[in-house]
N, C-alpha and C. Protein backbone atom coordinates (compact mmCIF):
# COMPACT_ATOMS: atom_id res chain seq x y z
N UNK A 1 -12.96 -38.31 11.79
CA UNK A 1 -12.32 -38.76 13.03
C UNK A 1 -11.44 -37.75 13.84
N UNK A 2 -10.79 -36.87 13.06
CA UNK A 2 -9.84 -35.81 13.94
C UNK A 2 -10.94 -35.12 14.68
N UNK A 3 -11.98 -34.72 14.27
CA UNK A 3 -12.85 -34.09 15.10
C UNK A 3 -13.31 -34.42 16.39
N UNK A 4 -13.49 -35.86 16.41
CA UNK A 4 -13.69 -36.44 17.86
C UNK A 4 -12.60 -36.23 18.54
N UNK A 5 -11.50 -36.76 18.02
CA UNK A 5 -10.42 -36.65 19.02
C UNK A 5 -10.24 -35.33 19.44
N UNK A 6 -10.38 -34.15 18.73
CA UNK A 6 -10.11 -32.86 19.10
C UNK A 6 -11.24 -32.51 20.12
N UNK A 7 -12.40 -33.14 20.04
CA UNK A 7 -13.44 -32.86 21.07
C UNK A 7 -13.18 -33.69 22.22
N UNK A 8 -12.57 -34.72 22.19
CA UNK A 8 -12.11 -35.63 23.35
C UNK A 8 -11.09 -34.90 24.20
N UNK A 9 -10.03 -34.34 23.45
CA UNK A 9 -9.07 -33.68 24.15
C UNK A 9 -9.57 -32.41 24.94
N UNK A 10 -10.40 -31.70 24.27
CA UNK A 10 -10.79 -30.42 24.85
C UNK A 10 -11.84 -30.64 26.03
N UNK A 11 -12.47 -31.92 25.87
CA UNK A 11 -13.25 -32.21 26.85
C UNK A 11 -12.51 -32.68 28.19
N UNK A 12 -11.18 -33.36 28.07
CA UNK A 12 -10.42 -33.79 28.85
C UNK A 12 -9.72 -32.57 29.52
N UNK A 13 -9.33 -31.58 28.88
CA UNK A 13 -8.79 -30.48 29.33
C UNK A 13 -9.90 -29.44 30.11
N UNK A 14 -10.93 -29.59 29.74
CA UNK A 14 -12.03 -28.78 30.54
C UNK A 14 -12.28 -29.65 31.80
N UNK A 15 -12.20 -31.00 31.88
CA UNK A 15 -12.47 -31.60 32.99
C UNK A 15 -11.57 -31.62 34.14
N UNK A 16 -10.02 -31.41 33.43
CA UNK A 16 -8.94 -31.25 34.48
C UNK A 16 -8.82 -29.61 34.85
N UNK A 17 -9.53 -28.52 34.31
CA UNK A 17 -9.51 -27.55 34.87
C UNK A 17 -10.54 -27.25 35.93
N UNK A 18 -11.25 -28.20 36.31
CA UNK A 18 -12.18 -28.29 37.27
C UNK A 18 -11.66 -28.73 38.56
N UNK A 19 -10.44 -29.46 38.31
CA UNK A 19 -9.71 -29.81 39.54
C UNK A 19 -8.89 -28.63 40.08
N UNK A 20 -8.58 -27.43 39.48
CA UNK A 20 -7.73 -26.45 40.07
C UNK A 20 -8.55 -25.90 41.48
N UNK A 21 -7.72 -25.89 42.30
CA UNK A 21 -8.00 -25.14 43.63
C UNK A 21 -7.74 -23.75 43.59
N UNK A 22 -8.67 -22.86 44.15
CA UNK A 22 -8.38 -21.39 44.33
C UNK A 22 -8.56 -21.06 45.50
N UNK A 23 -7.60 -20.29 46.31
CA UNK A 23 -7.75 -19.84 47.49
C UNK A 23 -7.91 -18.40 47.39
N UNK A 24 -8.71 -17.80 48.20
CA UNK A 24 -9.11 -16.50 48.33
C UNK A 24 -8.29 -15.75 48.89
N UNK A 25 -7.65 -14.69 48.37
CA UNK A 25 -6.67 -14.02 49.23
C UNK A 25 -7.10 -13.43 50.33
N UNK A 26 -8.28 -13.11 50.90
CA UNK A 26 -8.78 -12.81 51.98
C UNK A 26 -8.74 -13.78 53.11
N UNK A 27 -8.50 -15.08 52.84
CA UNK A 27 -8.49 -16.26 53.68
C UNK A 27 -7.35 -16.59 54.31
N UNK A 28 -6.23 -15.79 53.70
CA UNK A 28 -4.75 -15.95 54.21
C UNK A 28 -4.48 -15.23 55.42
N UNK A 29 -3.92 -15.76 56.43
CA UNK A 29 -3.69 -15.12 57.79
C UNK A 29 -2.45 -14.45 57.45
N UNK A 30 -2.32 -13.34 58.10
CA UNK A 30 -0.87 -12.87 58.25
C UNK A 30 0.54 -13.52 58.59
N UNK A 31 0.06 -14.31 59.69
CA UNK A 31 0.96 -15.27 60.21
C UNK A 31 1.02 -16.57 59.59
N UNK A 32 0.48 -16.81 58.26
CA UNK A 32 0.44 -18.10 57.53
C UNK A 32 1.93 -18.35 57.26
N UNK A 33 2.30 -19.57 56.83
CA UNK A 33 3.52 -19.85 56.43
C UNK A 33 3.90 -19.52 55.10
N UNK A 34 5.22 -19.11 55.04
CA UNK A 34 5.54 -18.25 53.72
C UNK A 34 6.57 -19.01 53.00
N UNK A 35 7.39 -18.21 52.40
CA UNK A 35 8.60 -18.89 51.52
C UNK A 35 9.50 -19.74 52.43
N UNK A 36 10.16 -19.27 53.48
CA UNK A 36 11.12 -19.89 54.14
C UNK A 36 10.56 -21.27 54.90
N UNK A 37 9.29 -21.05 55.32
CA UNK A 37 8.70 -22.17 55.98
C UNK A 37 8.30 -23.28 54.92
N UNK A 38 8.07 -22.92 53.58
CA UNK A 38 7.76 -23.70 52.48
C UNK A 38 9.36 -24.46 52.27
N UNK A 39 10.40 -23.85 52.27
CA UNK A 39 11.54 -24.27 52.04
C UNK A 39 11.98 -25.35 53.01
N UNK A 40 11.70 -25.25 54.30
CA UNK A 40 11.75 -26.04 55.37
C UNK A 40 10.86 -27.39 55.20
N UNK A 41 9.64 -27.02 55.01
CA UNK A 41 8.82 -28.33 54.79
C UNK A 41 9.13 -29.01 53.49
N UNK A 42 9.61 -28.49 52.51
CA UNK A 42 10.15 -29.22 51.47
C UNK A 42 11.33 -29.99 51.77
N UNK A 43 12.13 -29.56 52.39
CA UNK A 43 13.56 -30.16 52.83
C UNK A 43 13.20 -31.36 53.71
N UNK A 44 12.54 -31.31 54.73
CA UNK A 44 11.89 -32.44 55.56
C UNK A 44 11.00 -33.12 55.13
N UNK A 45 10.53 -32.95 53.94
CA UNK A 45 9.19 -34.00 53.33
C UNK A 45 9.57 -35.33 53.47
N UNK A 46 10.57 -36.01 53.09
CA UNK A 46 10.78 -37.41 53.44
C UNK A 46 10.50 -38.07 54.92
N UNK A 47 10.99 -37.14 55.94
CA UNK A 47 10.74 -37.56 57.05
C UNK A 47 9.40 -37.22 57.78
N UNK A 48 8.75 -36.12 57.26
CA UNK A 48 7.34 -35.93 57.58
C UNK A 48 6.44 -36.72 56.79
N UNK A 49 6.52 -37.27 55.77
CA UNK A 49 5.88 -38.22 55.27
C UNK A 49 5.73 -39.52 55.78
N UNK A 50 6.96 -40.17 56.12
CA UNK A 50 6.81 -41.39 56.84
C UNK A 50 6.17 -41.37 58.39
N UNK A 51 6.39 -40.00 59.17
CA UNK A 51 5.93 -39.85 60.31
C UNK A 51 4.49 -39.57 60.27
N UNK A 52 3.91 -38.95 59.03
CA UNK A 52 2.42 -38.88 58.98
C UNK A 52 1.84 -40.15 58.62
N UNK A 53 2.50 -41.08 58.14
CA UNK A 53 1.81 -42.47 58.20
C UNK A 53 1.36 -42.97 59.41
N UNK A 54 2.07 -42.77 60.51
CA UNK A 54 1.73 -43.28 61.70
C UNK A 54 1.04 -42.34 62.89
N UNK A 55 1.25 -40.96 62.44
CA UNK A 55 0.46 -40.02 63.33
C UNK A 55 -0.47 -39.16 62.56
N UNK A 56 -1.62 -38.83 62.83
CA UNK A 56 -2.68 -38.25 62.05
C UNK A 56 -2.51 -36.62 62.41
N UNK A 57 -1.71 -36.10 63.28
CA UNK A 57 -1.53 -34.88 63.68
C UNK A 57 -0.44 -34.39 63.04
N UNK A 58 0.53 -35.05 62.13
CA UNK A 58 1.76 -34.65 61.11
C UNK A 58 1.20 -34.48 59.88
N UNK A 59 1.36 -33.54 59.03
CA UNK A 59 1.14 -33.15 57.80
C UNK A 59 2.21 -32.94 56.91
N UNK A 60 2.43 -33.12 55.70
CA UNK A 60 3.48 -32.88 54.94
C UNK A 60 3.55 -31.54 54.23
N UNK A 61 2.42 -30.63 54.44
CA UNK A 61 1.96 -29.55 53.72
C UNK A 61 1.19 -28.60 54.75
N UNK A 62 1.72 -27.34 54.77
CA UNK A 62 0.83 -26.52 55.65
C UNK A 62 -0.16 -25.92 55.27
N UNK A 63 -1.33 -26.04 55.73
CA UNK A 63 -2.67 -25.48 55.24
C UNK A 63 -3.19 -24.79 56.62
N UNK A 64 -3.61 -23.50 56.24
CA UNK A 64 -3.47 -22.63 55.04
C UNK A 64 -2.07 -22.04 55.15
N UNK A 65 -1.47 -21.60 53.74
CA UNK A 65 -0.31 -21.09 53.68
C UNK A 65 -0.46 -19.90 53.03
N UNK A 66 0.62 -19.02 52.72
CA UNK A 66 0.72 -17.77 51.82
C UNK A 66 0.47 -18.07 50.64
N UNK A 67 0.30 -19.24 49.99
CA UNK A 67 0.07 -19.27 48.61
C UNK A 67 1.30 -19.68 47.74
N UNK A 68 1.40 -18.78 46.55
CA UNK A 68 2.35 -18.88 45.82
C UNK A 68 3.72 -19.05 46.16
N UNK A 69 4.18 -18.02 47.42
CA UNK A 69 5.51 -18.07 47.80
C UNK A 69 5.86 -19.41 48.68
N UNK A 70 4.91 -19.66 49.42
CA UNK A 70 5.07 -21.04 50.13
C UNK A 70 5.16 -22.14 49.21
N UNK A 71 4.45 -22.26 48.17
CA UNK A 71 4.37 -23.31 47.19
C UNK A 71 5.93 -23.29 46.38
N UNK A 72 6.24 -22.11 46.16
CA UNK A 72 7.45 -22.21 45.30
C UNK A 72 8.61 -22.74 46.41
N UNK A 73 8.62 -21.99 47.74
CA UNK A 73 9.51 -22.32 48.85
C UNK A 73 9.28 -23.99 48.80
N UNK A 74 8.31 -24.55 48.86
CA UNK A 74 8.20 -26.14 49.22
C UNK A 74 8.89 -26.85 48.03
N UNK A 75 8.67 -26.33 46.67
CA UNK A 75 9.24 -26.73 45.44
C UNK A 75 10.84 -26.75 45.75
N UNK A 76 11.20 -25.46 46.03
CA UNK A 76 12.76 -25.46 46.25
C UNK A 76 13.42 -26.31 47.24
N UNK A 77 12.61 -26.45 48.46
CA UNK A 77 13.04 -27.62 49.53
C UNK A 77 13.10 -29.01 48.90
N UNK A 78 11.88 -29.29 48.36
CA UNK A 78 12.12 -30.58 47.74
C UNK A 78 13.10 -30.96 46.74
N UNK A 79 13.26 -29.98 45.51
CA UNK A 79 13.95 -30.39 44.52
C UNK A 79 15.60 -29.99 44.58
N UNK A 80 15.86 -28.85 45.39
CA UNK A 80 17.21 -28.40 45.39
C UNK A 80 17.77 -28.83 46.77
N UNK A 81 16.97 -29.06 47.83
CA UNK A 81 17.64 -29.33 49.11
C UNK A 81 17.37 -30.66 49.60
N UNK A 82 16.25 -31.25 49.28
CA UNK A 82 15.80 -32.60 49.77
C UNK A 82 16.14 -33.59 48.87
N UNK A 83 15.14 -34.44 48.48
CA UNK A 83 15.02 -35.64 47.84
C UNK A 83 15.53 -35.50 46.44
N UNK A 84 15.32 -34.37 45.89
CA UNK A 84 15.73 -34.18 44.47
C UNK A 84 17.19 -33.67 44.42
N UNK A 85 17.66 -33.34 45.24
CA UNK A 85 19.27 -32.86 45.34
C UNK A 85 20.32 -33.92 45.40
N UNK A 86 20.03 -35.14 45.27
CA UNK A 86 21.05 -36.01 45.35
C UNK A 86 21.72 -35.99 43.88
N UNK A 87 23.07 -36.00 44.23
CA UNK A 87 23.80 -36.17 43.08
C UNK A 87 24.16 -37.56 42.41
N UNK A 88 24.14 -37.76 41.01
CA UNK A 88 24.23 -38.96 40.55
C UNK A 88 25.71 -39.24 40.10
N UNK A 89 26.36 -40.41 40.28
CA UNK A 89 27.61 -40.66 39.46
C UNK A 89 27.43 -41.39 38.17
N UNK A 90 28.39 -40.89 37.20
CA UNK A 90 28.18 -41.59 35.90
C UNK A 90 29.32 -42.22 35.72
């Protein structure tokens, strides 16, 4: 029985790795959004999401972007400056 469980977990992990998106480094334009625009886009995410529901030319994420630094800036914008930054009272 443990072997079947291990095989199922390995198959699920392998299937999830097929979902990983890879961006070729040559496809990034020099003027692609970087860290600071990622921070800004993460900060304005709640407003951009609501507006994107009604307008199809508005997106919540810039594509193409500079990759890792844009993603990190987006994370910082959402978690530390945006909706994840609210303080809770105990």
